[in-house]
Amino acid sequence: MLFFAITGLTLNRPELYVSDPDVKEWTVPVPSEILHTLQADQKQFETDIITWSQQTASLRGIQSPVSSYIRFDNGELIEGEVEFDYKSAGYDASVYVDLEASIAEFRVTDYGAVAWLNDLHKGRNTGSTWHWFIDIASIVMVLFVITGLIILFPKKKTLGTATKWLSFGTGITVLSYFLSY
């Protein structure tokens, strides 16, 4: 609950927590043994270039589909480029491979700890395990609230006070919503 409360504040007031992202860009020659598989088997080439890129740049996150444009004329490469990227909480990486020049361009952006926490709060660029964690945490929080209310019903003295505070909190919430427009 503390995690969602803190990240709720950082999401609501991003101007207070924004920092410049750490962007790194570099180029690396693509090994010729990877390029040799291109003409024989394009799927194997894509698998090899992804594996090589991950090892070369320590890329992480959820990978996008590979976008490639490759054209041969009489067995000779005329045009060729391959693009894909990785996304993770607070992180973004993209890979562009120019097959004619045999060069891979990497761009890795780290948005910082607050962006990482905010993305975790929203479940953005996270895997299914994190989505399940958010679902379970939400269900547990709802159960806490419901059981708390159930515990209050038999207690006449505290039920009245709790009902007043519940009504007051609900009224403030509704009023704040309508005043925000």
N, C-alpha and C. Protein backbone atom coordinates (compact mmCIF):
# COMPACT_ATOMS: atom_id res chain seq x y z
N MET A 1 0.83 -1.19 0.00
CA MET A 1 0.00 0.00 0.00
C MET A 1 0.87 1.25 0.00
N LEU A 2 1.98 1.17 0.77
CA LEU A 2 2.90 2.31 0.82
C LEU A 2 3.50 2.57 -0.57
N PHE A 3 3.87 1.52 -1.28
CA PHE A 3 4.42 1.66 -2.63
C PHE A 3 3.44 2.38 -3.55
N PHE A 4 2.16 1.95 -3.55
CA PHE A 4 1.17 2.58 -4.42
C PHE A 4 0.85 4.01 -3.97
N ALA A 5 0.93 4.28 -2.68
CA ALA A 5 0.68 5.64 -2.20
C ALA A 5 1.81 6.58 -2.63
N ILE A 6 3.05 6.14 -2.48
CA ILE A 6 4.20 6.99 -2.86
C ILE A 6 4.23 7.22 -4.36
N THR A 7 4.05 6.14 -5.13
CA THR A 7 4.07 6.31 -6.59
C THR A 7 2.84 7.07 -7.08
N GLY A 8 1.76 7.03 -6.32
CA GLY A 8 0.61 7.86 -6.67
C GLY A 8 0.98 9.34 -6.59
N LEU A 9 1.77 9.71 -5.58
CA LEU A 9 2.24 11.10 -5.46
C LEU A 9 3.19 11.47 -6.60
N THR A 10 4.12 10.58 -6.92
CA THR A 10 5.08 10.90 -7.99
C THR A 10 4.40 10.96 -9.35
N LEU A 11 3.34 10.19 -9.54
CA LEU A 11 2.60 10.25 -10.80
C LEU A 11 1.73 11.51 -10.87
N ASN A 12 1.19 11.92 -9.73
CA ASN A 12 0.31 13.09 -9.70
C ASN A 12 1.09 14.40 -9.84
N ARG A 13 2.33 14.41 -9.40
CA ARG A 13 3.17 15.62 -9.46
C ARG A 13 4.48 15.34 -10.20
N PRO A 14 4.41 15.00 -11.49
CA PRO A 14 5.65 14.64 -12.20
C PRO A 14 6.65 15.78 -12.30
N GLU A 15 6.16 17.02 -12.27
CA GLU A 15 7.09 18.15 -12.37
C GLU A 15 8.07 18.23 -11.20
N LEU A 16 7.72 17.61 -10.08
CA LEU A 16 8.61 17.62 -8.92
C LEU A 16 9.67 16.54 -8.98
N TYR A 17 9.46 15.52 -9.80
CA TYR A 17 10.34 14.36 -9.79
C TYR A 17 10.99 14.06 -11.12
N VAL A 18 10.82 14.94 -12.09
CA VAL A 18 11.35 14.69 -13.42
C VAL A 18 12.86 14.93 -13.42
N SER A 19 13.58 13.99 -14.01
CA SER A 19 15.02 14.17 -14.18
C SER A 19 15.34 13.88 -15.65
N ASP A 20 16.48 14.35 -16.08
CA ASP A 20 16.88 14.11 -17.46
C ASP A 20 17.24 12.64 -17.62
N PRO A 21 16.75 12.01 -18.66
CA PRO A 21 17.08 10.61 -18.86
C PRO A 21 18.55 10.44 -19.26
N ASP A 22 19.08 9.29 -18.92
CA ASP A 22 20.46 8.94 -19.28
C ASP A 22 20.39 8.21 -20.62
N VAL A 23 20.86 8.89 -21.68
CA VAL A 23 20.79 8.33 -23.03
C VAL A 23 22.19 7.98 -23.50
N LYS A 24 22.34 6.74 -23.97
CA LYS A 24 23.63 6.30 -24.51
C LYS A 24 23.40 5.81 -25.92
N GLU A 25 24.24 6.29 -26.84
CA GLU A 25 24.15 5.88 -28.24
C GLU A 25 25.54 5.47 -28.71
N TRP A 26 25.61 4.37 -29.48
CA TRP A 26 26.87 3.93 -30.03
C TRP A 26 26.62 3.01 -31.22
N THR A 27 27.64 2.82 -32.03
CA THR A 27 27.55 1.91 -33.17
C THR A 27 28.60 0.82 -33.02
N VAL A 28 28.28 -0.35 -33.56
CA VAL A 28 29.17 -1.52 -33.49
C VAL A 28 29.10 -2.23 -34.84
N PRO A 29 30.24 -2.66 -35.36
CA PRO A 29 30.18 -3.45 -36.60
C PRO A 29 29.51 -4.81 -36.34
N VAL A 30 28.69 -5.24 -37.28
CA VAL A 30 28.02 -6.53 -37.16
C VAL A 30 28.99 -7.61 -37.64
N PRO A 31 29.17 -8.67 -36.85
CA PRO A 31 30.09 -9.73 -37.26
C PRO A 31 29.67 -10.37 -38.59
N SER A 32 30.65 -10.66 -39.42
CA SER A 32 30.38 -11.19 -40.76
C SER A 32 29.70 -12.55 -40.71
N GLU A 33 29.98 -13.37 -39.69
CA GLU A 33 29.34 -14.68 -39.61
C GLU A 33 27.83 -14.58 -39.43
N ILE A 34 27.36 -13.51 -38.82
CA ILE A 34 25.91 -13.29 -38.69
C ILE A 34 25.34 -12.87 -40.04
N LEU A 35 26.06 -12.02 -40.76
CA LEU A 35 25.58 -11.54 -42.05
C LEU A 35 25.53 -12.66 -43.10
N HIS A 36 26.39 -13.67 -42.97
CA HIS A 36 26.40 -14.78 -43.93
C HIS A 36 25.12 -15.60 -43.89
N THR A 37 24.44 -15.63 -42.74
CA THR A 37 23.20 -16.41 -42.65
C THR A 37 22.02 -15.67 -43.28
N LEU A 38 22.21 -14.39 -43.58
CA LEU A 38 21.11 -13.56 -44.09
C LEU A 38 20.47 -14.11 -45.36
N GLN A 39 21.27 -14.41 -46.36
CA GLN A 39 20.71 -14.84 -47.63
C GLN A 39 20.14 -16.25 -47.55
N ALA A 40 20.75 -17.13 -46.77
CA ALA A 40 20.30 -18.52 -46.69
C ALA A 40 19.02 -18.68 -45.88
N ASP A 41 18.93 -17.98 -44.75
CA ASP A 41 17.79 -18.18 -43.85
C ASP A 41 17.53 -16.89 -43.07
N GLN A 42 16.54 -16.12 -43.52
CA GLN A 42 16.28 -14.81 -42.89
C GLN A 42 15.82 -14.96 -41.45
N LYS A 43 15.01 -15.98 -41.13
CA LYS A 43 14.56 -16.18 -39.74
C LYS A 43 15.74 -16.47 -38.83
N GLN A 44 16.66 -17.31 -39.29
CA GLN A 44 17.85 -17.61 -38.48
C GLN A 44 18.70 -16.36 -38.31
N PHE A 45 18.79 -15.55 -39.38
CA PHE A 45 19.52 -14.29 -39.30
C PHE A 45 18.92 -13.40 -38.21
N GLU A 46 17.59 -13.25 -38.21
CA GLU A 46 16.93 -12.41 -37.21
C GLU A 46 17.19 -12.93 -35.80
N THR A 47 17.12 -14.24 -35.62
CA THR A 47 17.42 -14.84 -34.30
C THR A 47 18.86 -14.53 -33.90
N ASP A 48 19.78 -14.70 -34.84
CA ASP A 48 21.21 -14.45 -34.56
C ASP A 48 21.47 -12.99 -34.23
N ILE A 49 20.85 -12.06 -34.98
CA ILE A 49 21.10 -10.63 -34.75
C ILE A 49 20.52 -10.19 -33.40
N ILE A 50 19.38 -10.78 -33.02
CA ILE A 50 18.79 -10.47 -31.71
C ILE A 50 19.70 -10.98 -30.59
N THR A 51 20.14 -12.22 -30.69
CA THR A 51 21.02 -12.79 -29.68
C THR A 51 22.31 -12.00 -29.57
N TRP A 52 22.91 -11.68 -30.71
CA TRP A 52 24.15 -10.90 -30.71
C TRP A 52 23.93 -9.52 -30.08
N SER A 53 22.81 -8.86 -30.42
CA SER A 53 22.52 -7.53 -29.88
C SER A 53 22.36 -7.57 -28.36
N GLN A 54 21.64 -8.57 -27.87
CA GLN A 54 21.44 -8.69 -26.42
C GLN A 54 22.77 -8.87 -25.71
N GLN A 55 23.65 -9.70 -26.28
CA GLN A 55 24.95 -9.94 -25.66
C GLN A 55 25.86 -8.73 -25.77
N THR A 56 25.82 -8.05 -26.90
CA THR A 56 26.70 -6.91 -27.14
C THR A 56 26.34 -5.70 -26.28
N ALA A 57 25.05 -5.44 -26.11
CA ALA A 57 24.63 -4.22 -25.43
C ALA A 57 23.93 -4.47 -24.10
N SER A 58 23.88 -5.71 -23.64
CA SER A 58 23.19 -6.06 -22.38
C SER A 58 21.77 -5.51 -22.36
N LEU A 59 21.03 -5.74 -23.43
CA LEU A 59 19.67 -5.24 -23.54
C LEU A 59 18.74 -6.08 -22.68
N ARG A 60 17.69 -5.43 -22.17
CA ARG A 60 16.73 -6.12 -21.32
C ARG A 60 15.32 -5.61 -21.63
N GLY A 61 14.34 -6.32 -21.16
CA GLY A 61 12.97 -5.86 -21.32
C GLY A 61 12.19 -6.71 -22.30
N ILE A 62 11.03 -6.20 -22.66
CA ILE A 62 10.13 -6.87 -23.58
C ILE A 62 10.51 -6.45 -24.99
N GLN A 63 10.84 -7.43 -25.82
CA GLN A 63 11.29 -7.14 -27.18
C GLN A 63 10.11 -6.96 -28.12
N SER A 64 10.22 -5.98 -28.99
CA SER A 64 9.22 -5.77 -30.04
C SER A 64 9.46 -6.77 -31.17
N PRO A 65 8.48 -6.93 -32.04
CA PRO A 65 8.73 -7.75 -33.23
C PRO A 65 9.83 -7.11 -34.08
N VAL A 66 10.54 -7.95 -34.81
CA VAL A 66 11.61 -7.46 -35.68
C VAL A 66 10.98 -6.90 -36.95
N SER A 67 11.39 -5.68 -37.28
CA SER A 67 10.94 -5.06 -38.52
C SER A 67 12.14 -5.05 -39.46
N SER A 68 11.99 -5.72 -40.60
CA SER A 68 13.13 -5.76 -41.52
C SER A 68 12.69 -5.49 -42.94
N TYR A 69 13.58 -4.87 -43.65
CA TYR A 69 13.39 -4.62 -45.08
C TYR A 69 14.69 -5.06 -45.75
N ILE A 70 14.60 -6.17 -46.49
CA ILE A 70 15.79 -6.73 -47.12
C ILE A 70 15.46 -7.04 -48.58
N ARG A 71 16.36 -6.61 -49.47
CA ARG A 71 16.13 -6.86 -50.89
C ARG A 71 17.43 -7.34 -51.54
N PHE A 72 17.31 -8.45 -52.26
CA PHE A 72 18.44 -9.00 -52.98
C PHE A 72 18.20 -8.88 -54.49
N ASP A 73 19.28 -8.78 -55.24
CA ASP A 73 19.21 -8.80 -56.70
C ASP A 73 20.32 -9.71 -57.19
N ASN A 74 19.92 -10.82 -57.81
CA ASN A 74 20.89 -11.83 -58.28
C ASN A 74 21.82 -12.29 -57.15
N GLY A 75 21.26 -12.51 -55.99
CA GLY A 75 22.04 -13.02 -54.86
C GLY A 75 22.87 -11.97 -54.14
N GLU A 76 22.76 -10.71 -54.57
CA GLU A 76 23.55 -9.65 -53.95
C GLU A 76 22.61 -8.73 -53.17
N LEU A 77 23.02 -8.37 -51.95
CA LEU A 77 22.22 -7.49 -51.12
C LEU A 77 22.19 -6.09 -51.72
N ILE A 78 20.99 -5.62 -52.02
CA ILE A 78 20.81 -4.30 -52.59
C ILE A 78 20.45 -3.30 -51.49
N GLU A 79 19.47 -3.67 -50.68
CA GLU A 79 19.04 -2.84 -49.55
C GLU A 79 18.77 -3.74 -48.37
N GLY A 80 19.04 -3.22 -47.18
CA GLY A 80 18.72 -4.02 -46.02
C GLY A 80 18.84 -3.24 -44.72
N GLU A 81 17.79 -3.35 -43.93
CA GLU A 81 17.81 -2.75 -42.59
C GLU A 81 16.90 -3.57 -41.68
N VAL A 82 17.28 -3.61 -40.43
CA VAL A 82 16.54 -4.36 -39.42
C VAL A 82 16.40 -3.44 -38.21
N GLU A 83 15.19 -3.43 -37.62
CA GLU A 83 14.94 -2.61 -36.43
C GLU A 83 14.14 -3.41 -35.42
N PHE A 84 14.43 -3.21 -34.15
CA PHE A 84 13.64 -3.75 -33.06
C PHE A 84 14.01 -2.99 -31.80
N ASP A 85 13.17 -3.08 -30.80
CA ASP A 85 13.47 -2.38 -29.56
C ASP A 85 13.04 -3.21 -28.35
N TYR A 86 13.47 -2.72 -27.20
CA TYR A 86 13.16 -3.34 -25.92
C TYR A 86 12.57 -2.29 -25.01
N LYS A 87 11.54 -2.69 -24.28
CA LYS A 87 10.94 -1.78 -23.32
C LYS A 87 10.84 -2.48 -21.98
N SER A 88 11.14 -1.73 -20.95
CA SER A 88 11.04 -2.21 -19.59
C SER A 88 10.65 -1.02 -18.73
N ALA A 89 10.28 -1.26 -17.50
CA ALA A 89 9.92 -0.15 -16.61
C ALA A 89 11.09 0.82 -16.50
N GLY A 90 10.85 2.08 -16.88
CA GLY A 90 11.88 3.12 -16.78
C GLY A 90 13.03 2.96 -17.74
N TYR A 91 12.85 2.16 -18.79
CA TYR A 91 13.97 1.81 -19.68
C TYR A 91 13.46 1.61 -21.10
N ASP A 92 14.28 2.01 -22.05
CA ASP A 92 13.93 1.85 -23.46
C ASP A 92 15.23 1.66 -24.23
N ALA A 93 15.26 0.68 -25.12
CA ALA A 93 16.44 0.47 -25.96
C ALA A 93 15.99 0.19 -27.38
N SER A 94 16.71 0.73 -28.35
CA SER A 94 16.38 0.45 -29.75
C SER A 94 17.64 0.05 -30.49
N VAL A 95 17.43 -0.83 -31.47
CA VAL A 95 18.53 -1.33 -32.29
C VAL A 95 18.15 -1.12 -33.75
N TYR A 96 19.07 -0.52 -34.49
CA TYR A 96 18.90 -0.33 -35.93
C TYR A 96 20.14 -0.92 -36.59
N VAL A 97 19.93 -1.85 -37.52
CA VAL A 97 21.04 -2.49 -38.21
C VAL A 97 20.99 -2.11 -39.68
N ASP A 98 22.06 -1.47 -40.14
CA ASP A 98 22.22 -1.14 -41.56
C ASP A 98 23.03 -2.28 -42.17
N LEU A 99 22.36 -3.12 -42.95
CA LEU A 99 23.01 -4.32 -43.48
C LEU A 99 24.02 -3.99 -44.58
N GLU A 100 23.78 -2.93 -45.32
CA GLU A 100 24.73 -2.54 -46.37
C GLU A 100 26.06 -2.09 -45.77
N ALA A 101 25.99 -1.35 -44.68
CA ALA A 101 27.21 -0.86 -44.03
C ALA A 101 27.71 -1.83 -42.96
N SER A 102 26.94 -2.87 -42.65
CA SER A 102 27.28 -3.86 -41.61
C SER A 102 27.50 -3.19 -40.25
N ILE A 103 26.62 -2.25 -39.92
CA ILE A 103 26.74 -1.49 -38.68
C ILE A 103 25.43 -1.59 -37.89
N ALA A 104 25.55 -1.79 -36.60
CA ALA A 104 24.39 -1.78 -35.71
C ALA A 104 24.47 -0.53 -34.84
N GLU A 105 23.37 0.19 -34.79
CA GLU A 105 23.29 1.40 -33.95
C GLU A 105 22.42 1.08 -32.75
N PHE A 106 22.93 1.37 -31.56
CA PHE A 106 22.22 1.12 -30.32
C PHE A 106 21.89 2.45 -29.66
N ARG A 107 20.70 2.52 -29.08
CA ARG A 107 20.30 3.69 -28.29
C ARG A 107 19.58 3.15 -27.06
N VAL A 108 20.17 3.41 -25.89
CA VAL A 108 19.61 2.93 -24.63
C VAL A 108 19.29 4.14 -23.76
N THR A 109 18.05 4.20 -23.28
CA THR A 109 17.60 5.31 -22.44
C THR A 109 17.15 4.77 -21.10
N ASP A 110 17.75 5.30 -20.04
CA ASP A 110 17.34 4.97 -18.67
C ASP A 110 16.70 6.23 -18.09
N TYR A 111 15.43 6.13 -17.74
CA TYR A 111 14.68 7.30 -17.29
C TYR A 111 14.81 7.57 -15.79
N GLY A 112 15.48 6.71 -15.06
CA GLY A 112 15.72 6.94 -13.65
C GLY A 112 14.79 6.16 -12.73
N ALA A 113 15.09 6.24 -11.44
CA ALA A 113 14.39 5.45 -10.43
C ALA A 113 12.92 5.82 -10.29
N VAL A 114 12.61 7.12 -10.34
CA VAL A 114 11.20 7.54 -10.18
C VAL A 114 10.37 7.05 -11.37
N ALA A 115 10.91 7.16 -12.58
CA ALA A 115 10.19 6.66 -13.75
C ALA A 115 10.02 5.15 -13.67
N TRP A 116 11.02 4.46 -13.16
CA TRP A 116 10.94 3.01 -12.97
C TRP A 116 9.81 2.66 -12.01
N LEU A 117 9.75 3.36 -10.87
CA LEU A 117 8.68 3.12 -9.89
C LEU A 117 7.31 3.46 -10.47
N ASN A 118 7.23 4.58 -11.19
CA ASN A 118 5.95 4.97 -11.80
C ASN A 118 5.47 3.93 -12.82
N ASP A 119 6.39 3.42 -13.64
CA ASP A 119 6.02 2.39 -14.61
C ASP A 119 5.58 1.11 -13.90
N LEU A 120 6.23 0.77 -12.80
CA LEU A 120 5.79 -0.39 -12.02
C LEU A 120 4.39 -0.17 -11.47
N HIS A 121 4.11 1.04 -10.98
CA HIS A 121 2.79 1.37 -10.45
C HIS A 121 1.71 1.13 -11.50
N LYS A 122 1.99 1.54 -12.73
CA LYS A 122 1.01 1.42 -13.81
C LYS A 122 1.07 0.07 -14.52
N GLY A 123 2.12 -0.71 -14.25
CA GLY A 123 2.28 -1.97 -14.96
C GLY A 123 2.71 -1.78 -16.40
N ARG A 124 3.31 -0.63 -16.70
CA ARG A 124 3.72 -0.33 -18.07
C ARG A 124 5.06 -1.00 -18.36
N ASN A 125 5.13 -1.66 -19.50
CA ASN A 125 6.36 -2.34 -19.95
C ASN A 125 6.87 -3.34 -18.93
N THR A 126 5.94 -4.04 -18.31
CA THR A 126 6.29 -5.10 -17.36
C THR A 126 5.68 -6.41 -17.86
N GLY A 127 6.16 -7.48 -17.35
CA GLY A 127 5.68 -8.79 -17.78
C GLY A 127 4.44 -9.24 -17.04
N SER A 128 3.99 -10.43 -17.37
CA SER A 128 2.75 -10.96 -16.79
C SER A 128 2.89 -11.22 -15.28
N THR A 129 4.08 -11.55 -14.82
CA THR A 129 4.27 -11.77 -13.38
C THR A 129 3.97 -10.50 -12.60
N TRP A 130 4.44 -9.37 -13.08
CA TRP A 130 4.17 -8.10 -12.39
C TRP A 130 2.69 -7.74 -12.47
N HIS A 131 2.05 -8.02 -13.59
CA HIS A 131 0.61 -7.76 -13.72
C HIS A 131 -0.17 -8.60 -12.70
N TRP A 132 0.24 -9.85 -12.53
CA TRP A 132 -0.40 -10.69 -11.51
C TRP A 132 -0.18 -10.13 -10.11
N PHE A 133 1.04 -9.62 -9.86
CA PHE A 133 1.33 -9.02 -8.55
C PHE A 133 0.41 -7.84 -8.28
N ILE A 134 0.23 -6.98 -9.28
CA ILE A 134 -0.66 -5.82 -9.12
C ILE A 134 -2.10 -6.28 -8.86
N ASP A 135 -2.56 -7.28 -9.61
CA ASP A 135 -3.91 -7.80 -9.42
C ASP A 135 -4.10 -8.34 -8.01
N ILE A 136 -3.15 -9.13 -7.55
CA ILE A 136 -3.25 -9.72 -6.21
C ILE A 136 -3.18 -8.64 -5.14
N ALA A 137 -2.28 -7.68 -5.30
CA ALA A 137 -2.18 -6.59 -4.32
C ALA A 137 -3.48 -5.80 -4.27
N SER A 138 -4.10 -5.55 -5.41
CA SER A 138 -5.37 -4.82 -5.46
C SER A 138 -6.47 -5.61 -4.75
N ILE A 139 -6.54 -6.89 -4.99
CA ILE A 139 -7.56 -7.73 -4.34
C ILE A 139 -7.35 -7.73 -2.83
N VAL A 140 -6.10 -7.84 -2.39
CA VAL A 140 -5.81 -7.83 -0.94
C VAL A 140 -6.23 -6.50 -0.33
N MET A 141 -5.96 -5.38 -1.01
CA MET A 141 -6.36 -4.07 -0.48
C MET A 141 -7.88 -3.96 -0.38
N VAL A 142 -8.59 -4.44 -1.38
CA VAL A 142 -10.06 -4.42 -1.33
C VAL A 142 -10.55 -5.28 -0.17
N LEU A 143 -9.94 -6.44 0.01
CA LEU A 143 -10.32 -7.30 1.14
C LEU A 143 -10.07 -6.62 2.49
N PHE A 144 -8.96 -5.90 2.62
CA PHE A 144 -8.68 -5.16 3.86
C PHE A 144 -9.79 -4.15 4.15
N VAL A 145 -10.20 -3.43 3.12
CA VAL A 145 -11.24 -2.41 3.30
C VAL A 145 -12.57 -3.08 3.66
N ILE A 146 -12.94 -4.11 2.94
CA ILE A 146 -14.22 -4.77 3.20
C ILE A 146 -14.25 -5.41 4.59
N THR A 147 -13.17 -6.11 4.96
CA THR A 147 -13.15 -6.73 6.29
C THR A 147 -13.12 -5.67 7.38
N GLY A 148 -12.47 -4.55 7.12
CA GLY A 148 -12.47 -3.45 8.10
C GLY A 148 -13.87 -2.92 8.33
N LEU A 149 -14.62 -2.78 7.25
CA LEU A 149 -16.01 -2.32 7.37
C LEU A 149 -16.87 -3.36 8.09
N ILE A 150 -16.67 -4.62 7.79
CA ILE A 150 -17.45 -5.69 8.44
C ILE A 150 -17.17 -5.72 9.94
N ILE A 151 -15.93 -5.51 10.33
CA ILE A 151 -15.57 -5.50 11.75
C ILE A 151 -16.26 -4.35 12.49
N LEU A 152 -16.52 -3.25 11.79
CA LEU A 152 -17.15 -2.09 12.42
C LEU A 152 -18.65 -2.29 12.70
N PHE A 153 -19.35 -3.07 11.89
CA PHE A 153 -20.82 -3.18 12.02
C PHE A 153 -21.30 -3.58 13.41
N PRO A 154 -20.72 -4.56 14.08
CA PRO A 154 -21.25 -4.91 15.41
C PRO A 154 -20.95 -3.87 16.50
N LYS A 155 -20.04 -2.96 16.25
CA LYS A 155 -19.64 -1.98 17.26
C LYS A 155 -20.43 -0.69 17.03
N LYS A 156 -21.52 -0.53 17.75
CA LYS A 156 -22.42 0.61 17.55
C LYS A 156 -21.72 1.95 17.77
N LYS A 157 -20.89 2.03 18.80
CA LYS A 157 -20.25 3.29 19.15
C LYS A 157 -19.26 3.74 18.05
N THR A 158 -18.39 2.84 17.60
CA THR A 158 -17.41 3.21 16.58
C THR A 158 -18.02 3.23 15.18
N LEU A 159 -19.11 2.51 14.98
CA LEU A 159 -19.76 2.50 13.66
C LEU A 159 -20.26 3.90 13.30
N GLY A 160 -20.85 4.60 14.25
CA GLY A 160 -21.34 5.96 14.00
C GLY A 160 -20.21 6.90 13.63
N THR A 161 -19.12 6.86 14.39
CA THR A 161 -17.96 7.72 14.10
C THR A 161 -17.35 7.35 12.75
N ALA A 162 -17.21 6.05 12.50
CA ALA A 162 -16.62 5.61 11.24
C ALA A 162 -17.50 6.02 10.06
N THR A 163 -18.81 5.92 10.21
CA THR A 163 -19.73 6.31 9.14
C THR A 163 -19.62 7.80 8.85
N LYS A 164 -19.46 8.62 9.88
CA LYS A 164 -19.30 10.06 9.68
C LYS A 164 -18.02 10.35 8.89
N TRP A 165 -16.90 9.69 9.29
CA TRP A 165 -15.63 9.90 8.60
C TRP A 165 -15.67 9.36 7.17
N LEU A 166 -16.34 8.23 6.97
CA LEU A 166 -16.49 7.67 5.64
C LEU A 166 -17.29 8.64 4.75
N SER A 167 -18.35 9.19 5.29
CA SER A 167 -19.18 10.16 4.55
C SER A 167 -18.39 11.43 4.25
N PHE A 168 -17.63 11.90 5.24
CA PHE A 168 -16.81 13.09 5.06
C PHE A 168 -15.76 12.86 3.96
N GLY A 169 -15.06 11.73 4.02
CA GLY A 169 -14.03 11.41 3.02
C GLY A 169 -14.62 11.26 1.63
N THR A 170 -15.77 10.61 1.54
CA THR A 170 -16.44 10.44 0.25
C THR A 170 -16.88 11.79 -0.29
N GLY A 171 -17.43 12.64 0.56
CA GLY A 171 -17.85 13.97 0.14
C GLY A 171 -16.69 14.81 -0.36
N ILE A 172 -15.57 14.78 0.35
CA ILE A 172 -14.37 15.54 -0.07
C ILE A 172 -13.88 15.01 -1.43
N THR A 173 -13.91 13.71 -1.60
CA THR A 173 -13.46 13.12 -2.87
C THR A 173 -14.34 13.57 -4.03
N VAL A 174 -15.65 13.48 -3.86
CA VAL A 174 -16.58 13.89 -4.90
C VAL A 174 -16.47 15.38 -5.18
N LEU A 175 -16.37 16.20 -4.13
CA LEU A 175 -16.22 17.64 -4.28
C LEU A 175 -14.93 17.98 -5.03
N SER A 176 -13.86 17.34 -4.65
CA SER A 176 -12.56 17.59 -5.32
C SER A 176 -12.64 17.25 -6.80
N TYR A 177 -13.33 16.17 -7.11
CA TYR A 177 -13.48 15.78 -8.51
C TYR A 177 -14.21 16.87 -9.31
N PHE A 178 -15.34 17.35 -8.78
CA PHE A 178 -16.10 18.34 -9.52
C PHE A 178 -15.42 19.70 -9.55
N LEU A 179 -14.63 20.04 -8.54
CA LEU A 179 -13.91 21.31 -8.53
C LEU A 179 -12.69 21.28 -9.45
N SER A 180 -12.25 20.09 -9.85
CA SER A 180 -11.06 20.00 -10.70
C SER A 180 -11.33 20.39 -12.14
N TYR A 181 -12.61 20.60 -12.50
CA TYR A 181 -12.93 20.97 -13.88
C TYR A 181 -13.26 22.42 -13.97
